[in-house]
Amino acid sequence: MTKNNKDHWEKIYKSKNIDEVSWYQEKPLVALDFIKSFKLKKEAAIIDIGGGDSLLADHLLAEGYKNITVLDISEEALEKAKERLGKKA
């Protein structure tokens, strides 16, 4: 990871709302269906790499999954997700 990459993503997440980025999905159906296809237990460890401020973790939590980790280069994106999820974060 270079500082320029990190700075780029911090700027994106500081300047745009969640629904202003090209990869925004209100409900990430492809990812959810893919995860469900494995028939994992609700306690299974799931990591969303590069998940940023996406809503995948929100939907997984709503479906009863309990052990979700979101990894991202942007601290700003992760903070936005934490604020949105509140105690569930």
N, C-alpha and C. Protein backbone atom coordinates (compact mmCIF):
# COMPACT_ATOMS: atom_id res chain seq x y z
N MET A 1 0.85 -1.17 0.00
CA MET A 1 0.00 0.00 0.00
C MET A 1 0.89 1.23 0.00
N THR A 2 0.61 2.13 -0.91
CA THR A 2 1.36 3.38 -0.91
C THR A 2 0.50 4.46 -0.26
N LYS A 3 1.18 5.47 0.19
CA LYS A 3 0.48 6.59 0.82
C LYS A 3 -0.49 7.23 -0.17
N ASN A 4 -0.10 7.30 -1.45
CA ASN A 4 -0.97 7.89 -2.46
C ASN A 4 -2.28 7.12 -2.60
N ASN A 5 -2.22 5.78 -2.57
CA ASN A 5 -3.44 4.97 -2.65
C ASN A 5 -4.34 5.25 -1.45
N LYS A 6 -3.75 5.24 -0.28
CA LYS A 6 -4.54 5.48 0.94
C LYS A 6 -5.16 6.87 0.89
N ASP A 7 -4.36 7.87 0.53
CA ASP A 7 -4.87 9.25 0.44
C ASP A 7 -6.02 9.34 -0.55
N HIS A 8 -5.89 8.65 -1.68
CA HIS A 8 -6.95 8.65 -2.70
C HIS A 8 -8.26 8.16 -2.11
N TRP A 9 -8.22 7.01 -1.43
CA TRP A 9 -9.45 6.42 -0.90
C TRP A 9 -10.01 7.21 0.27
N GLU A 10 -9.14 7.79 1.07
CA GLU A 10 -9.63 8.65 2.16
C GLU A 10 -10.39 9.84 1.57
N LYS A 11 -9.85 10.43 0.50
CA LYS A 11 -10.49 11.57 -0.15
C LYS A 11 -11.86 11.17 -0.72
N ILE A 12 -11.93 10.01 -1.36
CA ILE A 12 -13.20 9.54 -1.92
C ILE A 12 -14.24 9.43 -0.82
N TYR A 13 -13.91 8.74 0.27
CA TYR A 13 -14.90 8.51 1.32
C TYR A 13 -15.22 9.76 2.14
N LYS A 14 -14.31 10.73 2.16
CA LYS A 14 -14.61 11.99 2.86
C LYS A 14 -15.49 12.90 2.02
N SER A 15 -15.41 12.77 0.69
CA SER A 15 -16.10 13.72 -0.18
C SER A 15 -17.39 13.18 -0.79
N LYS A 16 -17.65 11.88 -0.68
CA LYS A 16 -18.83 11.31 -1.32
C LYS A 16 -19.70 10.56 -0.31
N ASN A 17 -20.99 10.63 -0.53
CA ASN A 17 -21.92 9.82 0.24
C ASN A 17 -21.90 8.40 -0.29
N ILE A 18 -22.40 7.47 0.49
CA ILE A 18 -22.38 6.05 0.14
C ILE A 18 -23.02 5.79 -1.23
N ASP A 19 -24.08 6.51 -1.56
CA ASP A 19 -24.79 6.27 -2.82
C ASP A 19 -24.25 7.09 -3.99
N GLU A 20 -23.14 7.80 -3.78
CA GLU A 20 -22.53 8.60 -4.85
C GLU A 20 -21.34 7.91 -5.51
N VAL A 21 -21.02 6.71 -5.08
CA VAL A 21 -19.89 5.99 -5.68
C VAL A 21 -20.43 4.96 -6.69
N SER A 22 -19.65 4.67 -7.70
CA SER A 22 -20.14 3.81 -8.79
C SER A 22 -20.43 2.38 -8.36
N TRP A 23 -19.82 1.93 -7.29
CA TRP A 23 -20.00 0.55 -6.86
C TRP A 23 -21.13 0.37 -5.84
N TYR A 24 -21.83 1.43 -5.53
CA TYR A 24 -22.92 1.36 -4.55
C TYR A 24 -24.03 0.41 -5.00
N GLN A 25 -24.47 -0.40 -4.06
CA GLN A 25 -25.63 -1.27 -4.26
C GLN A 25 -26.47 -1.21 -2.99
N GLU A 26 -27.74 -0.87 -3.14
CA GLU A 26 -28.62 -0.82 -1.98
C GLU A 26 -28.68 -2.19 -1.30
N LYS A 27 -28.74 -3.24 -2.10
CA LYS A 27 -28.70 -4.60 -1.59
C LYS A 27 -27.78 -5.41 -2.50
N PRO A 28 -26.61 -5.80 -2.01
CA PRO A 28 -25.63 -6.52 -2.85
C PRO A 28 -26.03 -7.99 -3.05
N LEU A 29 -26.99 -8.19 -3.93
CA LEU A 29 -27.59 -9.51 -4.12
C LEU A 29 -26.60 -10.57 -4.58
N VAL A 30 -25.70 -10.23 -5.49
CA VAL A 30 -24.75 -11.24 -5.99
C VAL A 30 -23.87 -11.74 -4.85
N ALA A 31 -23.35 -10.82 -4.06
CA ALA A 31 -22.50 -11.22 -2.93
C ALA A 31 -23.30 -12.01 -1.90
N LEU A 32 -24.49 -11.56 -1.59
CA LEU A 32 -25.33 -12.26 -0.61
C LEU A 32 -25.68 -13.67 -1.09
N ASP A 33 -26.06 -13.79 -2.36
CA ASP A 33 -26.39 -15.11 -2.91
C ASP A 33 -25.16 -16.03 -2.91
N PHE A 34 -23.99 -15.46 -3.23
CA PHE A 34 -22.76 -16.24 -3.23
C PHE A 34 -22.46 -16.78 -1.83
N ILE A 35 -22.56 -15.93 -0.83
CA ILE A 35 -22.31 -16.35 0.55
C ILE A 35 -23.33 -17.40 0.99
N LYS A 36 -24.59 -17.17 0.66
CA LYS A 36 -25.64 -18.13 1.03
C LYS A 36 -25.44 -19.49 0.36
N SER A 37 -24.84 -19.50 -0.82
CA SER A 37 -24.65 -20.76 -1.56
C SER A 37 -23.75 -21.75 -0.81
N PHE A 38 -22.94 -21.26 0.10
CA PHE A 38 -22.05 -22.13 0.88
C PHE A 38 -22.75 -22.74 2.09
N LYS A 39 -23.96 -22.29 2.36
CA LYS A 39 -24.75 -22.80 3.48
C LYS A 39 -23.95 -22.77 4.79
N LEU A 40 -23.32 -21.64 5.04
CA LEU A 40 -22.51 -21.45 6.24
C LEU A 40 -23.40 -21.34 7.47
N LYS A 41 -22.86 -21.73 8.59
CA LYS A 41 -23.55 -21.51 9.86
C LYS A 41 -23.52 -20.01 10.13
N LYS A 42 -24.48 -19.53 10.88
CA LYS A 42 -24.58 -18.10 11.18
C LYS A 42 -23.39 -17.60 12.00
N GLU A 43 -22.65 -18.52 12.63
CA GLU A 43 -21.47 -18.15 13.42
C GLU A 43 -20.18 -18.18 12.60
N ALA A 44 -20.26 -18.57 11.32
CA ALA A 44 -19.06 -18.68 10.48
C ALA A 44 -18.38 -17.32 10.34
N ALA A 45 -17.05 -17.35 10.26
CA ALA A 45 -16.28 -16.12 10.08
C ALA A 45 -16.34 -15.71 8.60
N ILE A 46 -16.78 -14.48 8.36
CA ILE A 46 -16.88 -13.92 7.02
C ILE A 46 -16.11 -12.62 7.00
N ILE A 47 -15.22 -12.45 6.01
CA ILE A 47 -14.47 -11.20 5.87
C ILE A 47 -14.78 -10.57 4.53
N ASP A 48 -15.11 -9.30 4.57
CA ASP A 48 -15.40 -8.52 3.38
C ASP A 48 -14.16 -7.67 3.12
N ILE A 49 -13.31 -8.12 2.20
CA ILE A 49 -12.06 -7.43 1.91
C ILE A 49 -12.34 -6.29 0.92
N GLY A 50 -11.93 -5.10 1.31
CA GLY A 50 -12.21 -3.93 0.49
C GLY A 50 -13.66 -3.50 0.61
N GLY A 51 -14.28 -3.88 1.71
CA GLY A 51 -15.71 -3.61 1.90
C GLY A 51 -16.05 -2.17 2.16
N GLY A 52 -15.10 -1.41 2.65
CA GLY A 52 -15.33 0.01 2.87
C GLY A 52 -16.64 0.31 3.56
N ASP A 53 -17.42 1.13 2.91
CA ASP A 53 -18.70 1.59 3.47
C ASP A 53 -19.87 0.88 2.79
N SER A 54 -19.61 -0.31 2.24
CA SER A 54 -20.69 -1.02 1.54
C SER A 54 -21.72 -1.53 2.55
N LEU A 55 -22.86 -1.95 2.03
CA LEU A 55 -23.94 -2.41 2.89
C LEU A 55 -23.97 -3.93 3.06
N LEU A 56 -22.94 -4.63 2.58
CA LEU A 56 -22.92 -6.08 2.71
C LEU A 56 -22.99 -6.52 4.17
N ALA A 57 -22.18 -5.93 5.01
CA ALA A 57 -22.18 -6.31 6.43
C ALA A 57 -23.55 -6.06 7.06
N ASP A 58 -24.19 -4.96 6.70
CA ASP A 58 -25.52 -4.64 7.23
C ASP A 58 -26.50 -5.77 6.91
N HIS A 59 -26.49 -6.20 5.65
CA HIS A 59 -27.42 -7.23 5.21
C HIS A 59 -27.10 -8.59 5.83
N LEU A 60 -25.81 -8.89 5.97
CA LEU A 60 -25.44 -10.15 6.60
C LEU A 60 -25.89 -10.17 8.06
N LEU A 61 -25.69 -9.06 8.75
CA LEU A 61 -26.15 -8.97 10.14
C LEU A 61 -27.67 -9.12 10.21
N ALA A 62 -28.37 -8.50 9.29
CA ALA A 62 -29.84 -8.59 9.27
C ALA A 62 -30.31 -10.02 9.03
N GLU A 63 -29.48 -10.81 8.35
CA GLU A 63 -29.84 -12.21 8.08
C GLU A 63 -29.35 -13.15 9.17
N GLY A 64 -28.76 -12.59 10.22
CA GLY A 64 -28.41 -13.40 11.37
C GLY A 64 -26.96 -13.85 11.46
N TYR A 65 -26.12 -13.45 10.50
CA TYR A 65 -24.70 -13.80 10.60
C TYR A 65 -24.09 -12.98 11.72
N LYS A 66 -23.16 -13.58 12.46
CA LYS A 66 -22.68 -12.96 13.68
C LYS A 66 -21.19 -12.59 13.69
N ASN A 67 -20.40 -13.19 12.83
CA ASN A 67 -18.95 -13.04 12.89
C ASN A 67 -18.43 -12.43 11.58
N ILE A 68 -18.69 -11.14 11.39
CA ILE A 68 -18.36 -10.46 10.15
C ILE A 68 -17.25 -9.46 10.39
N THR A 69 -16.27 -9.46 9.51
CA THR A 69 -15.17 -8.50 9.56
C THR A 69 -15.13 -7.76 8.23
N VAL A 70 -14.96 -6.45 8.30
CA VAL A 70 -14.80 -5.64 7.09
C VAL A 70 -13.39 -5.06 7.13
N LEU A 71 -12.66 -5.26 6.04
CA LEU A 71 -11.29 -4.78 5.92
C LEU A 71 -11.24 -3.77 4.79
N ASP A 72 -10.61 -2.64 5.02
CA ASP A 72 -10.48 -1.64 3.97
C ASP A 72 -9.27 -0.76 4.24
N ILE A 73 -8.71 -0.20 3.18
CA ILE A 73 -7.57 0.71 3.29
C ILE A 73 -7.98 2.05 3.90
N SER A 74 -9.25 2.40 3.75
CA SER A 74 -9.74 3.71 4.18
C SER A 74 -10.32 3.67 5.59
N GLU A 75 -9.68 4.38 6.49
CA GLU A 75 -10.21 4.51 7.84
C GLU A 75 -11.53 5.27 7.82
N GLU A 76 -11.64 6.24 6.92
CA GLU A 76 -12.87 7.03 6.80
C GLU A 76 -14.05 6.14 6.44
N ALA A 77 -13.84 5.22 5.50
CA ALA A 77 -14.92 4.30 5.09
C ALA A 77 -15.34 3.42 6.25
N LEU A 78 -14.38 2.91 6.98
CA LEU A 78 -14.70 2.06 8.12
C LEU A 78 -15.42 2.83 9.22
N GLU A 79 -15.03 4.07 9.43
CA GLU A 79 -15.70 4.89 10.44
C GLU A 79 -17.16 5.17 10.04
N LYS A 80 -17.38 5.42 8.74
CA LYS A 80 -18.75 5.63 8.27
C LYS A 80 -19.60 4.38 8.51
N ALA A 81 -19.02 3.23 8.22
CA ALA A 81 -19.75 1.97 8.44
C ALA A 81 -20.04 1.77 9.92
N LYS A 82 -19.06 2.05 10.77
CA LYS A 82 -19.27 1.91 12.22
C LYS A 82 -20.38 2.82 12.71
N GLU A 83 -20.39 4.06 12.23
CA GLU A 83 -21.44 5.00 12.63
C GLU A 83 -22.81 4.50 12.19
N ARG A 84 -22.88 3.99 10.97
CA ARG A 84 -24.15 3.51 10.44
C ARG A 84 -24.64 2.30 11.21
N LEU A 85 -23.74 1.39 11.53
CA LEU A 85 -24.12 0.14 12.20
C LEU A 85 -24.33 0.30 13.70
N GLY A 86 -23.77 1.34 14.28
CA GLY A 86 -23.95 1.57 15.71
C GLY A 86 -23.41 0.42 16.55
N LYS A 87 -24.21 -0.08 17.47
CA LYS A 87 -23.78 -1.15 18.38
C LYS A 87 -23.50 -2.45 17.65
N LYS A 88 -24.06 -2.63 16.46
CA LYS A 88 -23.82 -3.86 15.69
C LYS A 88 -22.42 -3.93 15.10
N ALA A 89 -21.73 -2.77 15.07
CA ALA A 89 -20.41 -2.69 14.43
C ALA A 89 -19.38 -3.52 15.17
